[in-house]
Amino acid sequence: MDGAKLDGKTVAEHIVDFLERRDVKHVFGLCGHTNIAVLAALAESPIDFVTVRHEQIASHAADAYARVTGKASVVLSHLSPGLTNCATGVANAALDCIPMVVIAGDIPTHYYGKHPHQEVNLHADAAQWEIYRPFVKRAWRVDRADLMAEILEKAFHLAESGQPGPVLVNVPMDIFSEVIPSDSFDRIRDNTRALKKPSIDDETAGEIVEALAKAESPVAYVGGGILLAQASEELRAFVEHMGLPVAHSLMGKGALRDDHPLVLGMTGFWGTELVNQSCLNADYIFAVGTRFKEADCSSWYPGYTFNIPGSKVIHIDIEPQEIGRNYPTEIGVVADAKAALRVLNRVAREMYPGGFKRLALEQKIAGFRTDFKARNVEMATSSAFPMMPERILADTRKALPEDAIITTDVGWNKNGVGQQFDILTPGSILTPGGFATMGFGPPGAIGAKLAAPDRVVLSLVGDGGFGQNPSMLATAVELDLGIIWLVMNNNAFGTIAGLQKAHYGLTYGTTFPGSAAAPANGPGYADIARAYGAEGHRLSAADELLPALDAAIASGKPTVLDVPMINNPTPTTGHWNILDIYSPDRDVSHVAT
């Protein structure tokens, strides 16, 4: 073996070399007896291994890291319980189309069929990789060391191309330790790192531009695909030239600055009257990088957000299956959003050099914003304590620089933020959309801060979400990451409590003992933070929040702010099918608890 080692490297060492050549800077994960060969190789590498106390923290952090960097992140997992602990974060990334490569250790090949320690083997031998099949783009089980290079190369290309998403590379531990020559890895050294993305032809672009130019009340409807394609600047140029008002999905929040004069806001259940009515009245919907998901479309009920058929749809998306999935489409185009918008911008300027200006529409948008803020000002400035959620969001916006990165979770910190918190730098809000995973935000902030160490990073999270994995504080303290976690503490799983109260008249299993002002034997989040070595402060008055945020930003230390909050529901103008399921004959939604 010693002689063989002189002639080559272990597969684990080749993997680390490969990651270095791809400019991977961080690997997220947790040790186990199946993956320590990779850790040993990482120890001699400039790549930082971000160790966590629970694998779900690793996958959520890697998810956010990929959102900020725009490249596939890497997770290293142990077999079975490690892989299943990781699964929620990987599935969250999958449903939000986030590129990720998960490398997981597994039982040694010579123990296939013997049911060794920790193997998942209830229905088939050596089949743990199948656990991920429902939500990753592809899952590989590596059964030969000489195939590792080819599989890794395919894994990164697949994760980052088309509709992005996670992939799994499942590796038996003996293969990690096998010594092989460099031939298979040498063969791929000169292969392209990124595939060219599809665009559109001039004829198709002209057809789209002409349809929008002749439309009486067109609306651009954009989703997270704009941010994944890093196409915000191209979108801004196109809608400004064509005079298109911009509605967005939850995941499209921040595709353009929220104070842009053409931005209507977020559609759907938590959308405002302006955006939902504008979409209802549109004769053409120019949709880019969106999947027309349920909450964004008021459960697809006509009369609330979209009237399709009625409005005609032009839909551009990188994934063919998304086009026409939920609404009939007049012009469907399979293309990358950035590439397509580049062509559309050029063709639009050739066809209509003067562009289009809709001053009356811009005045209507500006007037609505003024009125909305005026209607909200009482809540946004209230000195009530526990605090009004609107005041928490207003003070947070005041304290943060424009380019601060926000991670949200579920509840007011997601729905309320989508509706009434201005995002002023495209791509600076990271939200769990498709899976709506409670517990995403706090570890997500770790990945965001590692990806953008010079930017302020704040996690807006409820007490339910923060309680999912507080051990992420250990990693933040060890790495000295100056993250702020603002816990919007209503002493409940607040959104569900309000829903249950409205429809069933009780809050059984959705609230915690005591109240937000005086929780009974509940966790002291500030105390927990201090126990991990972070800063921790529990507020006792509304006027303390803004100074506390300013101090936390200035300190550059990991800080938890425990902010008691009244559990008011987020205002809604759309609809959600669950309301009909729970109360088919009553017009109710959520109530305060």
Foldseek 3Di string as FASTA:
>chain_A
DVVLCVQFPALLLLVLVVCVLLVAAEEEEADDPLCVLNVVNCVPPNRYYQYFDFLCLRLLLQQLLCLLVLFAHEYEFEPAVRVVRNQVSQQLQQLLLGFYEYEYEDAAPVCFPVPDPRDDPPPHTPPRQVVNVVRFPEEDEDPDLLCVLVVVLVQRAQQNDQSHGYYYYYYYSVSSGDTDHCVSNVVCSPPDNYDDWFADDLVLLLVVLVVLLPWPQEAEEEALLLSSLVQLVLVVLLCVQAVHAYEYALRCAQSAWCPPLRYQFQAAFLADPRQQVSQQPGQEYEYEHDLCDCRSCQNVDRPFRHDAVRREYAYEGLDVCSAPVRGDHDHYHNTRRNRHSVSSSVSSCVVPVRGDHDVVSSVVSVVVVVVVCVVCVCLCPPFDPLHALNVLLNLVLVQFDLQEAEEEADFCSRSVCRHDHTRGHHSRYHYSPRSSHQQSQPSNQVSNCVSPVVHAYEYEHEPRSCVPRVSVLLSCQVVQALYEYEYAYFQWLQQVQQQCCFQPVGRPPTGADDGLLDGDPDDDVQVSNVVSVFGEDEDDISVVNNVVSNVSVVVSGYYYYYRRYWRAHNDTRGHHCVCCVRCVPDDTGGGTD
